[in-house]
Protein backbone atom coordinates (compact mmCIF):
# COMPACT_ATOMS: atom_id res chain seq x y z
CA MET A 1 -69.18 109.31 41.79
CA GLN A 2 -68.35 109.88 37.37
CA ILE A 3 -69.83 106.91 35.80
CA ALA A 4 -69.37 105.99 31.70
CA SER A 5 -70.61 104.13 29.26
CA PHE A 6 -67.99 102.33 26.64
CA LYS A 7 -67.21 99.68 24.31
CA LEU A 8 -64.72 97.10 24.50
CA ALA A 9 -64.06 95.15 21.00
CA ASP A 10 -67.71 94.36 19.97
CA ARG A 11 -69.43 94.70 23.66
CA MET A 12 -71.27 97.39 25.29
CA SER A 13 -70.12 98.18 28.84
CA PHE A 14 -70.00 100.89 31.85
CA GLY A 15 -68.40 101.52 35.46
CA PHE A 16 -67.16 104.10 37.33
CA VAL A 17 -64.21 106.69 37.40
CA SER A 18 -61.35 105.94 39.88
CA GLY A 19 -58.43 108.13 39.37
CA ASP A 20 -57.07 107.65 35.66
CA ASN A 21 -58.94 104.54 35.41
CA ILE A 22 -62.54 103.50 34.85
CA ILE A 23 -63.60 100.32 36.94
CA GLU A 24 -65.93 98.26 34.77
CA ALA A 25 -68.71 96.89 36.94
CA SER A 26 -67.99 93.76 37.50
CA GLU A 27 -69.59 90.54 35.28
CA GLY A 28 -72.11 89.41 38.15
CA PHE A 29 -73.25 92.89 38.43
CA ARG A 30 -73.36 93.14 34.44
CA ARG A 31 -75.72 90.30 34.26
CA GLN A 32 -78.14 92.11 36.57
CA PHE A 33 -78.11 95.46 35.13
CA PRO A 34 -76.52 95.34 31.20
CA THR A 35 -76.54 98.92 30.84
CA LEU A 36 -76.34 101.69 32.72
CA ARG A 37 -79.97 102.75 31.90
CA ALA A 38 -80.75 99.18 33.66
CA VAL A 39 -79.09 100.37 36.45
CA LEU A 40 -80.71 103.43 37.01
CA ALA A 41 -84.36 101.71 36.43
CA GLY A 42 -83.23 99.22 38.93
CA ASP A 43 -82.42 102.03 41.49
CA ALA A 44 -78.98 100.25 41.90
CA LEU A 45 -76.46 103.32 41.00
CA GLY A 46 -75.36 103.44 45.01
CA GLN A 47 -74.41 99.76 44.54
CA LEU A 48 -71.80 100.61 41.69
CA GLU A 49 -69.01 101.58 43.23
CA SER A 50 -69.68 99.24 46.14
CA ASP A 51 -69.71 96.52 43.86
CA GLY A 52 -66.20 95.69 44.19
CA GLY A 53 -65.52 96.28 40.07
CA GLY A 54 -64.12 94.49 37.23
CA ALA A 55 -61.11 95.27 35.63
CA ALA A 56 -59.29 98.47 35.56
CA PHE A 57 -59.10 100.21 32.19
CA PRO A 58 -56.89 103.62 31.70
CA VAL A 59 -59.56 106.22 30.55
CA ALA A 60 -57.32 107.38 27.64
CA ASP A 61 -57.34 104.09 26.18
CA VAL A 62 -61.15 103.73 26.50
CA GLU A 63 -63.68 103.85 23.65
CA PHE A 64 -66.49 106.29 24.73
CA LEU A 65 -70.31 105.73 24.36
CA PRO A 66 -72.95 108.49 24.69
CA THR A 67 -73.46 108.20 28.46
CA ILE A 68 -76.82 106.60 27.69
CA PRO A 69 -76.32 104.57 24.72
CA ASN A 70 -80.45 103.79 24.44
CA PRO A 71 -82.40 106.32 25.99
CA ASP A 72 -86.36 106.09 25.91
CA LYS A 73 -86.30 109.42 24.48
CA VAL A 74 -83.86 112.56 24.64
CA LEU A 75 -85.66 115.99 25.31
CA CYS A 76 -84.11 119.28 24.37
CA VAL A 77 -84.88 122.70 25.32
CA GLY A 78 -84.45 125.82 22.70
CA ILE A 79 -83.71 128.94 23.14
CA ASN A 80 -83.38 128.85 27.01
CA TYR A 81 -80.74 131.27 27.47
CA ARG A 82 -81.16 134.91 27.52
CA PRO A 83 -77.91 135.67 25.61
CA HIS A 84 -78.95 133.09 23.34
CA VAL A 85 -82.37 134.29 22.70
CA GLU A 86 -80.97 137.83 22.50
CA GLU A 87 -78.99 136.71 19.61
CA MET A 88 -80.79 134.71 17.34
CA GLY A 89 -83.34 137.71 17.13
CA ARG A 90 -86.26 135.93 19.21
CA ALA A 91 -89.15 137.03 21.55
CA MET A 92 -88.50 135.92 25.27
CA PRO A 93 -90.49 132.17 25.45
CA GLU A 94 -93.07 132.12 28.22
CA ARG A 95 -93.28 128.17 27.83
CA PRO A 96 -90.10 125.85 27.36
CA MET A 97 -89.82 125.27 23.71
CA ILE A 98 -89.09 121.64 23.47
CA PHE A 99 -87.70 119.33 20.45
CA VAL A 100 -86.81 115.58 19.93
CA ARG A 101 -83.51 113.93 19.46
CA PHE A 102 -83.05 110.37 18.52
CA ALA A 103 -80.41 108.20 20.65
CA GLY A 104 -78.99 107.38 16.67
CA SER A 105 -78.07 110.89 16.23
CA GLN A 106 -75.65 111.09 19.03
CA VAL A 107 -72.15 109.94 19.69
CA GLY A 108 -69.71 109.44 22.86
CA HIS A 109 -66.49 111.58 23.89
CA GLY A 110 -63.56 111.29 21.33
CA GLN A 111 -65.85 109.62 18.53
CA ALA A 112 -66.38 111.68 15.65
CA VAL A 113 -69.47 113.69 14.98
CA LEU A 114 -70.27 113.79 11.52
CA GLN A 115 -70.89 116.87 9.09
CA PRO A 116 -74.24 116.19 7.33
CA ALA A 117 -73.73 116.02 3.35
CA ALA A 118 -77.07 117.67 2.92
CA SER A 119 -75.78 120.58 5.27
CA GLU A 120 -74.06 123.85 4.78
CA GLN A 121 -74.68 124.87 7.81
CA TYR A 122 -73.64 122.72 10.84
CA ASP A 123 -73.37 124.55 14.06
CA PHE A 124 -72.45 123.77 17.62
CA GLU A 125 -74.05 123.96 20.75
CA GLY A 126 -72.65 123.39 24.16
CA GLU A 127 -75.27 122.36 26.77
CA LEU A 128 -75.85 120.67 30.19
CA ALA A 129 -77.54 117.66 29.90
CA VAL A 130 -79.46 116.35 33.05
CA VAL A 131 -79.89 112.43 33.02
CA ILE A 132 -83.41 111.14 35.14
CA GLY A 133 -82.88 108.14 37.51
CA ARG A 134 -86.44 107.23 38.30
CA ARG A 135 -90.07 106.74 36.56
CA ALA A 136 -91.43 110.58 37.18
CA ARG A 137 -94.76 111.77 36.32
CA HIS A 138 -96.27 115.32 37.28
CA VAL A 139 -93.15 116.29 39.66
CA ASP A 140 -93.31 119.58 41.19
CA ARG A 141 -90.37 121.53 40.79
CA ALA A 142 -89.64 121.08 44.58
CA ALA A 143 -88.98 117.88 44.10
CA ALA A 144 -87.37 117.67 40.74
CA GLU A 145 -83.92 117.07 42.45
CA ASP A 146 -85.64 113.95 43.82
CA VAL A 147 -85.41 112.39 40.05
CA ILE A 148 -82.34 113.71 38.64
CA ALA A 149 -79.94 110.70 38.64
CA GLY A 150 -76.69 112.94 37.29
CA TYR A 151 -75.58 115.81 34.84
CA CYS A 152 -73.28 115.40 31.62
CA CYS A 153 -71.68 117.64 28.69
CA PHE A 154 -74.09 117.87 25.58
CA MET A 155 -73.04 119.24 21.97
CA ASP A 156 -76.07 119.33 20.32
CA GLY A 157 -75.04 119.82 16.69
CA THR A 158 -77.39 121.10 14.53
CA ALA A 159 -77.60 121.66 10.44
CA ARG A 160 -79.09 125.11 10.88
CA ASP A 161 -80.53 124.77 7.16
CA TRP A 162 -82.76 122.26 7.53
CA GLN A 163 -83.61 123.40 11.41
CA ASN A 164 -85.07 126.58 9.28
CA HIS A 165 -87.16 124.48 6.68
CA THR A 166 -89.98 124.79 8.86
CA SER A 167 -90.68 125.90 12.47
CA GLN A 168 -89.77 122.22 13.77
CA PHE A 169 -86.89 122.17 14.83
CA THR A 170 -86.59 118.32 14.59
CA PRO A 171 -85.01 117.81 11.16
CA GLY A 172 -81.93 119.71 11.52
CA LYS A 173 -81.45 118.36 15.26
CA ASN A 174 -80.85 114.39 13.97
CA PHE A 175 -79.09 114.03 10.82
CA HIS A 176 -76.71 111.05 12.26
CA ARG A 177 -74.08 111.23 14.32
CA SER A 178 -74.43 114.87 14.42
CA GLY A 179 -74.17 115.21 18.17
CA SER A 180 -72.53 113.83 21.19
CA MET A 181 -72.92 113.22 24.68
CA GLY A 182 -70.45 112.38 27.74
CA PRO A 183 -68.05 111.25 28.83
CA TYR A 184 -69.32 110.87 32.62
CA LEU A 185 -72.52 111.37 34.51
CA VAL A 186 -71.68 113.42 37.18
CA THR A 187 -73.57 112.52 40.20
CA PRO A 188 -75.70 114.92 42.11
CA ASP A 189 -73.83 114.40 45.31
CA ALA A 190 -70.75 115.85 43.50
CA VAL A 191 -72.10 119.21 42.36
CA ALA A 192 -72.56 121.91 44.65
CA ASP A 193 -74.48 124.03 42.85
CA VAL A 194 -75.55 123.15 39.51
CA SER A 195 -77.29 126.93 38.80
CA ARG A 196 -73.47 128.31 39.22
CA LEU A 197 -71.57 126.00 36.90
CA ARG A 198 -69.92 127.84 33.84
CA LEU A 199 -70.23 126.20 30.16
CA GLU A 200 -67.48 126.87 27.46
CA THR A 201 -67.72 126.32 23.79
CA ARG A 202 -64.62 125.96 21.57
CA VAL A 203 -63.61 125.26 18.08
CA ASN A 204 -60.38 124.32 17.29
CA ASP A 205 -59.30 125.87 20.79
CA GLU A 206 -61.06 129.09 20.15
CA LEU A 207 -63.54 130.19 22.44
CA MET A 208 -67.16 130.28 21.13
CA GLN A 209 -69.47 130.19 23.87
CA SER A 210 -69.45 131.44 27.38
CA GLY A 211 -72.33 131.25 29.54
CA CYS A 212 -73.25 130.37 33.09
CA LEU A 213 -76.45 128.11 34.11
CA ASP A 214 -78.33 130.88 36.16
CA GLU A 215 -78.72 132.78 32.67
CA LEU A 216 -81.31 129.96 32.18
CA ILE A 217 -84.66 131.32 31.16
CA PHE A 218 -85.84 128.30 32.93
CA ASP A 219 -84.23 126.44 35.08
CA ILE A 220 -83.33 122.62 36.03
CA PRO A 221 -86.30 122.35 38.50
CA ALA A 222 -88.99 124.08 35.57
CA LEU A 223 -87.73 121.79 32.93
CA VAL A 224 -88.06 118.77 34.95
CA GLU A 225 -91.63 120.06 36.23
CA TYR A 226 -92.89 121.26 32.23
CA CYS A 227 -91.46 117.77 30.71
CA SER A 228 -93.16 115.43 33.25
CA THR A 229 -96.26 116.98 32.77
CA PHE A 230 -96.81 116.25 28.96
CA THR A 231 -94.73 112.74 29.36
CA GLU A 232 -93.69 110.22 31.66
CA LEU A 233 -90.06 110.89 32.42
CA LEU A 234 -88.31 107.08 32.79
CA PRO A 235 -84.55 106.24 34.10
CA GLY A 236 -82.23 107.33 31.38
CA ASP A 237 -84.29 109.50 29.82
CA VAL A 238 -81.67 113.19 29.10
CA ILE A 239 -83.04 117.18 29.25
CA ALA A 240 -80.66 118.92 26.91
CA THR A 241 -81.18 122.37 29.18
CA GLY A 242 -80.52 124.48 25.98
CA THR A 243 -77.14 126.43 24.84
CA PRO A 244 -75.55 129.95 25.52
CA GLY A 245 -74.72 132.71 23.09
CA GLY A 246 -72.39 132.38 20.66
CA VAL A 247 -73.34 129.94 18.43
CA GLY A 248 -71.75 129.72 14.97
CA ALA A 249 -75.39 131.08 13.31
CA ALA A 250 -75.59 134.40 15.06
CA ARG A 251 -71.47 135.82 14.15
CA SER A 252 -70.64 137.65 11.77
CA PRO A 253 -69.16 136.20 9.78
CA GLN A 254 -70.94 133.11 10.44
CA VAL A 255 -69.03 130.24 11.67
CA TRP A 256 -69.63 126.92 10.34
CA LEU A 257 -68.25 123.27 11.61
CA LYS A 258 -66.33 121.78 8.89
CA THR A 259 -64.29 118.51 8.53
CA GLY A 260 -61.40 118.41 10.88
CA ASP A 261 -62.68 121.11 13.53
CA ARG A 262 -62.42 119.97 16.85
CA VAL A 263 -65.11 121.27 19.10
CA SER A 264 -65.01 121.02 23.04
CA VAL A 265 -67.54 121.30 25.83
CA ASN A 266 -66.19 122.07 28.92
CA ILE A 267 -68.40 122.52 32.11
CA GLU A 268 -66.67 122.73 35.27
CA GLY A 269 -67.46 120.20 37.83
CA ILE A 270 -69.06 117.99 35.20
CA GLY A 271 -66.56 117.25 32.62
CA TYR A 272 -64.93 117.44 29.31
CA LEU A 273 -66.57 116.62 26.01
CA GLU A 274 -64.72 116.93 22.53
CA ASN A 275 -65.37 115.42 19.11
CA VAL A 276 -63.64 115.72 16.54
CA VAL A 277 -65.68 116.57 12.93
CA GLY A 278 -65.71 114.11 10.01
CA SER A 279 -67.51 113.24 7.07
CA GLU A 280 -70.62 111.69 6.30
């Protein structure tokens, strides 16, 4: 199943994909579960498709929101693909490098990401994001699949100059509307083997990044185990698993996103996330 969060006039909503349409959850269902995060917290994802649904909206006409518009937390993993570690000249990590993104730093598919006015080094990072489906603490890697609601595309837009001010990544990763997430939450039953998925990032249709999830240094079960050890994972929490090689900072000459560029993240079986770069 593919599920989207979207905006209709002045209200937020959600629904599931059927062909070229998104079927909005029925009014009664939305009264009980106002957001997709609430659906996950109520363990009601399985009821969504059988809900009967409300109106159908063409996918092309929908204003997408981040898949989880209001997560409690977004945990991101740095330098987690071997080629990316090598291109950035870093040592191979012994443990996952975790930083956080704030909800306000993200937009949905088709919305403009913003080049930070204070940065001259706005970079792209295509990633696979994992969405947590139930409250979880101290999860063994063997049980990680039991707490995953699904997967989606993620663009971890980064102000490299601000990221490199200190050893802490937070400032460079949290400029307003600098990243994106979407378009859909894809449930695990629709993904044959997530470790074999291929991820590609393009800027203005030019291929910049191409990698396979089997290149992860710390795979998804390891990340769920690690993150759930230091914090309680809640329904709707997001773990962005890291980016392959090919980022703009590592190229010669370096490639920075600028106003008017189109950046896309395509993960086979998961979706196609595209955003135009606007100016802050």
